[in-house]
């Protein structure tokens, strides 16, 4: 295509309220006030926008806390102003969810991209993972009303319990579920499987969102 056609074909979409996906991997947030976004996720903005980093919180204070094993935080920043804010994360696909009043979802802290200021959020550590060298240690409990944007490597799969999942591939789960941690006690000779820790979801309702890629993997799906 020629240059002008390239510009026209890839220009931002006009109009609309709330979170909008410009494409599968880029989120447009029409901003008139404040929104919470993952630190470092801004790729562009129009208008007047300021960014304020939020310190890691300790104990029961709301905020993003440091992961117990890796020591790395899941920082969030507050964007305030008027205009359009464009956010993305490492080419991962964007999933936008609308939560009703008092509706909640638990999300792996590494997979939270953005959420509206009307969303209440709280940090939890999953089971005994804090004492294990595995991913998915910290989950963010999000409660509506408002919109939430998640990121996934590839297209997500939503499963119903009972199910066992790899912590690195687990994106989110319904708020009524409380996963437990299972250790694979099978004795392995030589090369280990790398699947020694699983999250167990039980019950007869609810859902679990997984992605076709382990968050800590070197090779990540970009399809």
C-alpha atoms as a PDB file:
ATOM      1  CA  UNK A   1       0.000   0.000   0.000  1.00  0.00           C
ATOM      2  CA  UNK A   2       1.127   3.591  -0.518  1.00  0.00           C
ATOM      3  CA  UNK A   3       2.044   5.909   2.346  1.00  0.00           C
ATOM      4  CA  UNK A   4      -1.309   7.727   2.578  1.00  0.00           C
ATOM      5  CA  UNK A   5      -3.236   4.458   2.585  1.00  0.00           C
ATOM      6  CA  UNK A   6      -0.953   3.145   5.337  1.00  0.00           C
ATOM      7  CA  UNK A   7      -1.701   6.242   7.438  1.00  0.00           C
ATOM      8  CA  UNK A   8      -5.467   5.976   6.861  1.00  0.00           C
ATOM      9  CA  UNK A   9      -5.627   2.229   7.491  1.00  0.00           C
ATOM     10  CA  UNK A  10      -3.786   2.388  10.799  1.00  0.00           C
ATOM     11  CA  UNK A  11      -5.254   5.580  12.265  1.00  0.00           C
ATOM     12  CA  UNK A  12      -7.022   5.369  15.661  1.00  0.00           C
ATOM     13  CA  UNK A  13     -10.744   4.679  15.705  1.00  0.00           C
ATOM     14  CA  UNK A  14     -12.944   7.708  16.372  1.00  0.00           C
ATOM     15  CA  UNK A  15     -15.491   8.126  19.161  1.00  0.00           C
ATOM     16  CA  UNK A  16     -16.703   5.740  21.821  1.00  0.00           C
ATOM     17  CA  UNK A  17     -16.608   5.738  25.597  1.00  0.00           C
ATOM     18  CA  UNK A  18     -14.753   3.433  27.922  1.00  0.00           C
ATOM     19  CA  UNK A  19     -11.871   1.096  27.154  1.00  0.00           C
ATOM     20  CA  UNK A  20     -11.482   0.434  23.425  1.00  0.00           C
ATOM     21  CA  UNK A  21      -9.204  -2.046  21.688  1.00  0.00           C
ATOM     22  CA  UNK A  22      -7.480  -0.373  18.743  1.00  0.00           C
ATOM     23  CA  UNK A  23      -6.328  -3.860  17.804  1.00  0.00           C
ATOM     24  CA  UNK A  24      -5.782  -7.125  19.658  1.00  0.00           C
ATOM     25  CA  UNK A  25      -2.683  -5.828  21.418  1.00  0.00           C
ATOM     26  CA  UNK A  26      -3.273  -2.113  21.970  1.00  0.00           C
ATOM     27  CA  UNK A  27      -5.769  -0.493  24.341  1.00  0.00           C
ATOM     28  CA  UNK A  28      -7.150   3.032  23.893  1.00  0.00           C
ATOM     29  CA  UNK A  29      -8.407   4.630  27.106  1.00  0.00           C
ATOM     30  CA  UNK A  30     -10.502   7.810  26.576  1.00  0.00           C
ATOM     31  CA  UNK A  31      -9.346   9.776  29.594  1.00  0.00           C
ATOM     32  CA  UNK A  32     -11.355  12.389  31.460  1.00  0.00           C
ATOM     33  CA  UNK A  33     -10.165  12.076  35.038  1.00  0.00           C
ATOM     34  CA  UNK A  34      -8.050   9.226  36.372  1.00  0.00           C
ATOM     35  CA  UNK A  35      -7.317   5.601  35.493  1.00  0.00           C
ATOM     36  CA  UNK A  36      -4.950   3.006  36.921  1.00  0.00           C
ATOM     37  CA  UNK A  37      -2.530   1.363  34.475  1.00  0.00           C
ATOM     38  CA  UNK A  38       0.422  -0.974  34.759  1.00  0.00           C
ATOM     39  CA  UNK A  39       3.654   0.979  35.168  1.00  0.00           C
ATOM     40  CA  UNK A  40       5.604   1.164  31.928  1.00  0.00           C
ATOM     41  CA  UNK A  41       2.603   0.239  29.755  1.00  0.00           C
ATOM     42  CA  UNK A  42       2.086   3.680  28.166  1.00  0.00           C
ATOM     43  CA  UNK A  43       3.016   3.727  24.481  1.00  0.00           C
ATOM     44  CA  UNK A  44       1.410   7.069  23.504  1.00  0.00           C
ATOM     45  CA  UNK A  45      -1.127   9.660  24.560  1.00  0.00           C
ATOM     46  CA  UNK A  46      -2.889  12.749  23.275  1.00  0.00           C
ATOM     47  CA  UNK A  47      -4.039  15.775  25.259  1.00  0.00           C
ATOM     48  CA  UNK A  48      -2.777  16.574  28.743  1.00  0.00           C
ATOM     49  CA  UNK A  49      -1.902  13.537  30.873  1.00  0.00           C
ATOM     50  CA  UNK A  50       0.253  13.214  33.983  1.00  0.00           C
ATOM     51  CA  UNK A  51       1.537   9.984  35.518  1.00  0.00           C
ATOM     52  CA  UNK A  52       2.066   9.257  39.195  1.00  0.00           C
ATOM     53  CA  UNK A  53       3.754   6.072  40.357  1.00  0.00           C
ATOM     54  CA  UNK A  54       2.174   4.224  43.258  1.00  0.00           C
ATOM     55  CA  UNK A  55       4.499   2.854  45.926  1.00  0.00           C
ATOM     56  CA  UNK A  56       4.357  -0.839  46.743  1.00  0.00           C
ATOM     57  CA  UNK A  57       2.047  -1.348  49.680  1.00  0.00           C
ATOM     58  CA  UNK A  58       2.714  -3.514  52.680  1.00  0.00           C
ATOM     59  CA  UNK A  59       0.360  -5.704  54.670  1.00  0.00           C
ATOM     60  CA  UNK A  60      -3.341  -5.164  54.122  1.00  0.00           C
ATOM     61  CA  UNK A  61      -3.035  -1.732  52.531  1.00  0.00           C
ATOM     62  CA  UNK A  62      -4.526  -1.683  49.054  1.00  0.00           C
ATOM     63  CA  UNK A  63      -1.901  -1.523  46.363  1.00  0.00           C
ATOM     64  CA  UNK A  64       0.514  -3.740  44.495  1.00  0.00           C
ATOM     65  CA  UNK A  65       2.872  -5.629  46.781  1.00  0.00           C
ATOM     66  CA  UNK A  66       6.237  -7.229  46.186  1.00  0.00           C
ATOM     67  CA  UNK A  67       6.184 -10.869  45.203  1.00  0.00           C
ATOM     68  CA  UNK A  68       7.496 -13.044  48.000  1.00  0.00           C
ATOM     69  CA  UNK A  69       9.851 -15.192  45.939  1.00  0.00           C
ATOM     70  CA  UNK A  70      11.102 -13.010  43.102  1.00  0.00           C
ATOM     71  CA  UNK A  71      11.218  -9.807  45.134  1.00  0.00           C
ATOM     72  CA  UNK A  72       9.865  -7.967  42.111  1.00  0.00           C
ATOM     73  CA  UNK A  73       6.847  -5.736  42.485  1.00  0.00           C
ATOM     74  CA  UNK A  74       3.866  -5.386  40.173  1.00  0.00           C
ATOM     75  CA  UNK A  75       3.803  -1.596  40.124  1.00  0.00           C
ATOM     76  CA  UNK A  76       0.841   0.476  39.032  1.00  0.00           C
ATOM     77  CA  UNK A  77       0.670   4.121  38.052  1.00  0.00           C
ATOM     78  CA  UNK A  78      -2.195   6.594  38.061  1.00  0.00           C
ATOM     79  CA  UNK A  79      -2.812   8.500  34.832  1.00  0.00           C
ATOM     80  CA  UNK A  80      -4.752  11.733  35.180  1.00  0.00           C
ATOM     81  CA  UNK A  81      -5.929  14.262  32.627  1.00  0.00           C
ATOM     82  CA  UNK A  82      -7.882  14.587  29.428  1.00  0.00           C
ATOM     83  CA  UNK A  83      -7.180  12.920  26.108  1.00  0.00           C
ATOM     84  CA  UNK A  84      -6.500   9.416  24.866  1.00  0.00           C
ATOM     85  CA  UNK A  85      -4.059   7.064  26.592  1.00  0.00           C
ATOM     86  CA  UNK A  86      -2.675   4.097  24.649  1.00  0.00           C
ATOM     87  CA  UNK A  87      -1.281   1.179  26.652  1.00  0.00           C
ATOM     88  CA  UNK A  88       0.141  -2.234  25.780  1.00  0.00           C
ATOM     89  CA  UNK A  89       2.444  -4.873  27.239  1.00  0.00           C
ATOM     90  CA  UNK A  90       5.043  -6.821  25.276  1.00  0.00           C
ATOM     91  CA  UNK A  91       2.703  -7.608  22.387  1.00  0.00           C
ATOM     92  CA  UNK A  92       0.294  -9.565  24.603  1.00  0.00           C
ATOM     93  CA  UNK A  93      -3.375  -9.686  23.606  1.00  0.00           C
ATOM     94  CA  UNK A  94      -5.755  -7.345  25.426  1.00  0.00           C
ATOM     95  CA  UNK A  95      -8.977  -8.603  27.014  1.00  0.00           C
ATOM     96  CA  UNK A  96     -11.541  -6.028  28.253  1.00  0.00           C
ATOM     97  CA  UNK A  97     -14.065  -7.019  30.934  1.00  0.00           C
ATOM     98  CA  UNK A  98     -16.941  -4.954  32.324  1.00  0.00           C
ATOM     99  CA  UNK A  99     -17.668  -5.643  35.996  1.00  0.00           C
ATOM    100  CA  UNK A 100     -21.084  -4.830  37.423  1.00  0.00           C
ATOM    101  CA  UNK A 101     -21.548  -3.316  40.865  1.00  0.00           C
ATOM    102  CA  UNK A 102     -20.064  -5.683  43.495  1.00  0.00           C
ATOM    103  CA  UNK A 103     -19.001  -8.133  40.768  1.00  0.00           C
ATOM    104  CA  UNK A 104     -15.446  -9.377  41.324  1.00  0.00           C
ATOM    105  CA  UNK A 105     -12.649 -11.296  39.650  1.00  0.00           C
ATOM    106  CA  UNK A 106      -9.197 -12.399  40.809  1.00  0.00           C
ATOM    107  CA  UNK A 107      -6.377 -11.756  38.331  1.00  0.00           C
ATOM    108  CA  UNK A 108      -2.728 -12.768  38.305  1.00  0.00           C
ATOM    109  CA  UNK A 109      -0.881  -9.553  39.145  1.00  0.00           C
ATOM    110  CA  UNK A 110       1.346  -9.809  36.073  1.00  0.00           C
ATOM    111  CA  UNK A 111      -1.707  -9.865  33.780  1.00  0.00           C
ATOM    112  CA  UNK A 112      -3.439  -6.671  34.962  1.00  0.00           C
ATOM    113  CA  UNK A 113      -3.051  -3.936  32.319  1.00  0.00           C
ATOM    114  CA  UNK A 114      -5.528  -1.234  33.408  1.00  0.00           C
ATOM    115  CA  UNK A 115      -8.679  -0.602  35.402  1.00  0.00           C
ATOM    116  CA  UNK A 116     -11.006   2.321  35.937  1.00  0.00           C
ATOM    117  CA  UNK A 117     -10.770   4.421  39.091  1.00  0.00           C
ATOM    118  CA  UNK A 118     -14.213   3.143  40.150  1.00  0.00           C
ATOM    119  CA  UNK A 119     -12.750  -0.346  40.608  1.00  0.00           C
ATOM    120  CA  UNK A 120     -11.758  -1.407  44.122  1.00  0.00           C
ATOM    121  CA  UNK A 121      -8.621  -3.531  44.250  1.00  0.00           C
ATOM    122  CA  UNK A 122      -6.920  -5.640  46.881  1.00  0.00           C
ATOM    123  CA  UNK A 123      -3.817  -7.821  46.858  1.00  0.00           C
ATOM    124  CA  UNK A 124      -3.701 -11.439  47.974  1.00  0.00           C
ATOM    125  CA  UNK A 125      -0.997 -14.104  48.025  1.00  0.00           C
ATOM    126  CA  UNK A 126      -2.146 -17.423  46.622  1.00  0.00           C
ATOM    127  CA  UNK A 127      -1.936 -20.264  49.121  1.00  0.00           C
ATOM    128  CA  UNK A 128       1.580 -21.352  50.031  1.00  0.00           C
ATOM    129  CA  UNK A 129       3.087 -20.202  46.756  1.00  0.00           C
ATOM    130  CA  UNK A 130       4.900 -17.495  48.693  1.00  0.00           C
ATOM    131  CA  UNK A 131       7.309 -20.187  49.797  1.00  0.00           C
ATOM    132  CA  UNK A 132       7.821 -21.768  46.378  1.00  0.00           C
ATOM    133  CA  UNK A 133       9.802 -20.703  43.349  1.00  0.00           C
ATOM    134  CA  UNK A 134       6.868 -20.437  40.962  1.00  0.00           C
ATOM    135  CA  UNK A 135       4.999 -17.758  39.077  1.00  0.00           C
ATOM    136  CA  UNK A 136       1.541 -16.415  39.754  1.00  0.00           C
ATOM    137  CA  UNK A 137       2.253 -15.644  43.396  1.00  0.00           C
ATOM    138  CA  UNK A 138       0.232 -12.470  43.734  1.00  0.00           C
ATOM    139  CA  UNK A 139      -3.331 -12.033  42.558  1.00  0.00           C
ATOM    140  CA  UNK A 140      -5.307  -8.799  42.405  1.00  0.00           C
ATOM    141  CA  UNK A 141      -8.898  -8.928  43.621  1.00  0.00           C
ATOM    142  CA  UNK A 142     -10.879  -6.456  41.480  1.00  0.00           C
ATOM    143  CA  UNK A 143     -14.441  -5.395  42.335  1.00  0.00           C
ATOM    144  CA  UNK A 144     -16.779  -3.357  40.133  1.00  0.00           C
ATOM    145  CA  UNK A 145     -18.398  -1.341  38.873  1.00  0.00           C
ATOM    146  CA  UNK A 146     -16.044  -0.473  36.060  1.00  0.00           C
ATOM    147  CA  UNK A 147     -13.906  -1.819  33.248  1.00  0.00           C
ATOM    148  CA  UNK A 148     -10.786  -3.934  33.592  1.00  0.00           C
ATOM    149  CA  UNK A 149      -8.191  -4.732  30.921  1.00  0.00           C
ATOM    150  CA  UNK A 150      -6.169  -7.957  31.158  1.00  0.00           C
ATOM    151  CA  UNK A 151      -3.370  -9.264  28.955  1.00  0.00           C
ATOM    152  CA  UNK A 152      -2.822 -12.811  27.713  1.00  0.00           C
ATOM    153  CA  UNK A 153      -0.218 -14.558  25.604  1.00  0.00           C
ATOM    154  CA  UNK A 154      -2.445 -15.739  22.747  1.00  0.00           C
ATOM    155  CA  UNK A 155      -6.175 -16.406  23.036  1.00  0.00           C
ATOM    156  CA  UNK A 156      -7.448 -17.328  26.516  1.00  0.00           C
ATOM    157  CA  UNK A 157      -9.294 -20.505  27.391  1.00  0.00           C
ATOM    158  CA  UNK A 158     -11.993 -20.375  30.091  1.00  0.00           C
ATOM    159  CA  UNK A 159     -12.430 -23.619  32.030  1.00  0.00           C
ATOM    160  CA  UNK A 160     -14.799 -24.751  34.754  1.00  0.00           C
ATOM    161  CA  UNK A 161     -13.645 -26.570  37.902  1.00  0.00           C
ATOM    162  CA  UNK A 162     -12.514 -29.045  38.939  1.00  0.00           C
ATOM    163  CA  UNK A 163      -9.259 -28.320  37.131  1.00  0.00           C
ATOM    164  CA  UNK A 164      -5.508 -28.202  37.811  1.00  0.00           C
ATOM    165  CA  UNK A 165      -3.507 -25.399  36.202  1.00  0.00           C
ATOM    166  CA  UNK A 166       0.103 -24.292  35.890  1.00  0.00           C
ATOM    167  CA  UNK A 167       0.549 -21.087  37.947  1.00  0.00           C
ATOM    168  CA  UNK A 168       2.529 -19.481  35.092  1.00  0.00           C
ATOM    169  CA  UNK A 169      -0.347 -20.091  32.653  1.00  0.00           C
ATOM    170  CA  UNK A 170      -3.165 -19.051  35.008  1.00  0.00           C
ATOM    171  CA  UNK A 171      -4.533 -15.585  34.227  1.00  0.00           C
ATOM    172  CA  UNK A 172      -7.679 -15.148  36.330  1.00  0.00           C
ATOM    173  CA  UNK A 173     -10.498 -16.896  38.146  1.00  0.00           C
ATOM    174  CA  UNK A 174     -13.957 -16.099  39.482  1.00  0.00           C
ATOM    175  CA  UNK A 175     -14.071 -14.578  42.936  1.00  0.00           C
ATOM    176  CA  UNK A 176     -15.975 -17.505  44.446  1.00  0.00           C
ATOM    177  CA  UNK A 177     -13.007 -19.826  43.867  1.00  0.00           C
ATOM    178  CA  UNK A 178     -10.080 -20.212  46.255  1.00  0.00           C
ATOM    179  CA  UNK A 179      -7.287 -22.233  44.662  1.00  0.00           C
ATOM    180  CA  UNK A 180      -5.037 -24.508  46.660  1.00  0.00           C
ATOM    181  CA  UNK A 181      -1.478 -25.451  45.804  1.00  0.00           C
ATOM    182  CA  UNK A 182      -0.601 -29.027  44.905  1.00  0.00           C
ATOM    183  CA  UNK A 183       2.880 -30.526  44.704  1.00  0.00           C
ATOM    184  CA  UNK A 184       3.545 -33.315  42.216  1.00  0.00           C
ATOM    185  CA  UNK A 185       5.223 -35.873  44.452  1.00  0.00           C
ATOM    186  CA  UNK A 186       6.019 -38.296  41.658  1.00  0.00           C
ATOM    187  CA  UNK A 187       9.688 -39.239  41.852  1.00  0.00           C
ATOM    188  CA  UNK A 188      11.440 -38.268  38.631  1.00  0.00           C
ATOM    189  CA  UNK A 189      14.722 -39.721  37.444  1.00  0.00           C
ATOM    190  CA  UNK A 190      17.069 -37.521  35.426  1.00  0.00           C
ATOM    191  CA  UNK A 191      15.359 -34.674  33.547  1.00  0.00           C
ATOM    192  CA  UNK A 192      12.561 -33.147  35.617  1.00  0.00           C
ATOM    193  CA  UNK A 193       9.195 -32.311  34.059  1.00  0.00           C
ATOM    194  CA  UNK A 194       9.111 -28.699  35.232  1.00  0.00           C
ATOM    195  CA  UNK A 195       5.495 -29.304  36.301  1.00  0.00           C
ATOM    196  CA  UNK A 196       6.005 -29.911  40.010  1.00  0.00           C
ATOM    197  CA  UNK A 197       3.584 -27.209  41.210  1.00  0.00           C
ATOM    198  CA  UNK A 198      -0.061 -26.876  40.217  1.00  0.00           C
ATOM    199  CA  UNK A 199      -3.021 -24.779  41.304  1.00  0.00           C
ATOM    200  CA  UNK A 200      -6.118 -26.830  42.141  1.00  0.00           C
ATOM    201  CA  UNK A 201      -9.568 -25.313  41.611  1.00  0.00           C
ATOM    202  CA  UNK A 202     -12.497 -27.255  43.056  1.00  0.00           C
ATOM    203  CA  UNK A 203     -16.241 -26.747  43.249  1.00  0.00           C
ATOM    204  CA  UNK A 204     -19.134 -27.053  40.853  1.00  0.00           C
ATOM    205  CA  UNK A 205     -19.338 -23.486  39.564  1.00  0.00           C
ATOM    206  CA  UNK A 206     -17.114 -20.569  38.660  1.00  0.00           C
ATOM    207  CA  UNK A 207     -14.437 -20.286  35.965  1.00  0.00           C
ATOM    208  CA  UNK A 208     -10.662 -20.250  35.481  1.00  0.00           C
ATOM    209  CA  UNK A 209      -8.925 -18.338  32.676  1.00  0.00           C
ATOM    210  CA  UNK A 210      -5.704 -19.810  31.293  1.00  0.00           C
ATOM    211  CA  UNK A 211      -3.399 -18.796  28.455  1.00  0.00           C
ATOM    212  CA  UNK A 212      -1.526 -21.040  25.992  1.00  0.00           C
ATOM    213  CA  UNK A 213       1.833 -19.904  27.313  1.00  0.00           C
ATOM    214  CA  UNK A 214       3.677 -19.968  30.618  1.00  0.00           C
ATOM    215  CA  UNK A 215       4.416 -16.423  31.793  1.00  0.00           C
ATOM    216  CA  UNK A 216       7.994 -17.300  32.694  1.00  0.00           C
ATOM    217  CA  UNK A 217       8.712 -19.041  29.383  1.00  0.00           C
ATOM    218  CA  UNK A 218      11.399 -17.692  27.082  1.00  0.00           C
ATOM    219  CA  UNK A 219       9.305 -18.345  23.980  1.00  0.00           C
ATOM    220  CA  UNK A 220       6.040 -16.426  23.990  1.00  0.00           C
ATOM    221  CA  UNK A 221       3.113 -16.808  21.612  1.00  0.00           C
ATOM    222  CA  UNK A 222       2.657 -13.827  19.329  1.00  0.00           C
ATOM    223  CA  UNK A 223      -0.070 -15.210  17.055  1.00  0.00           C
END
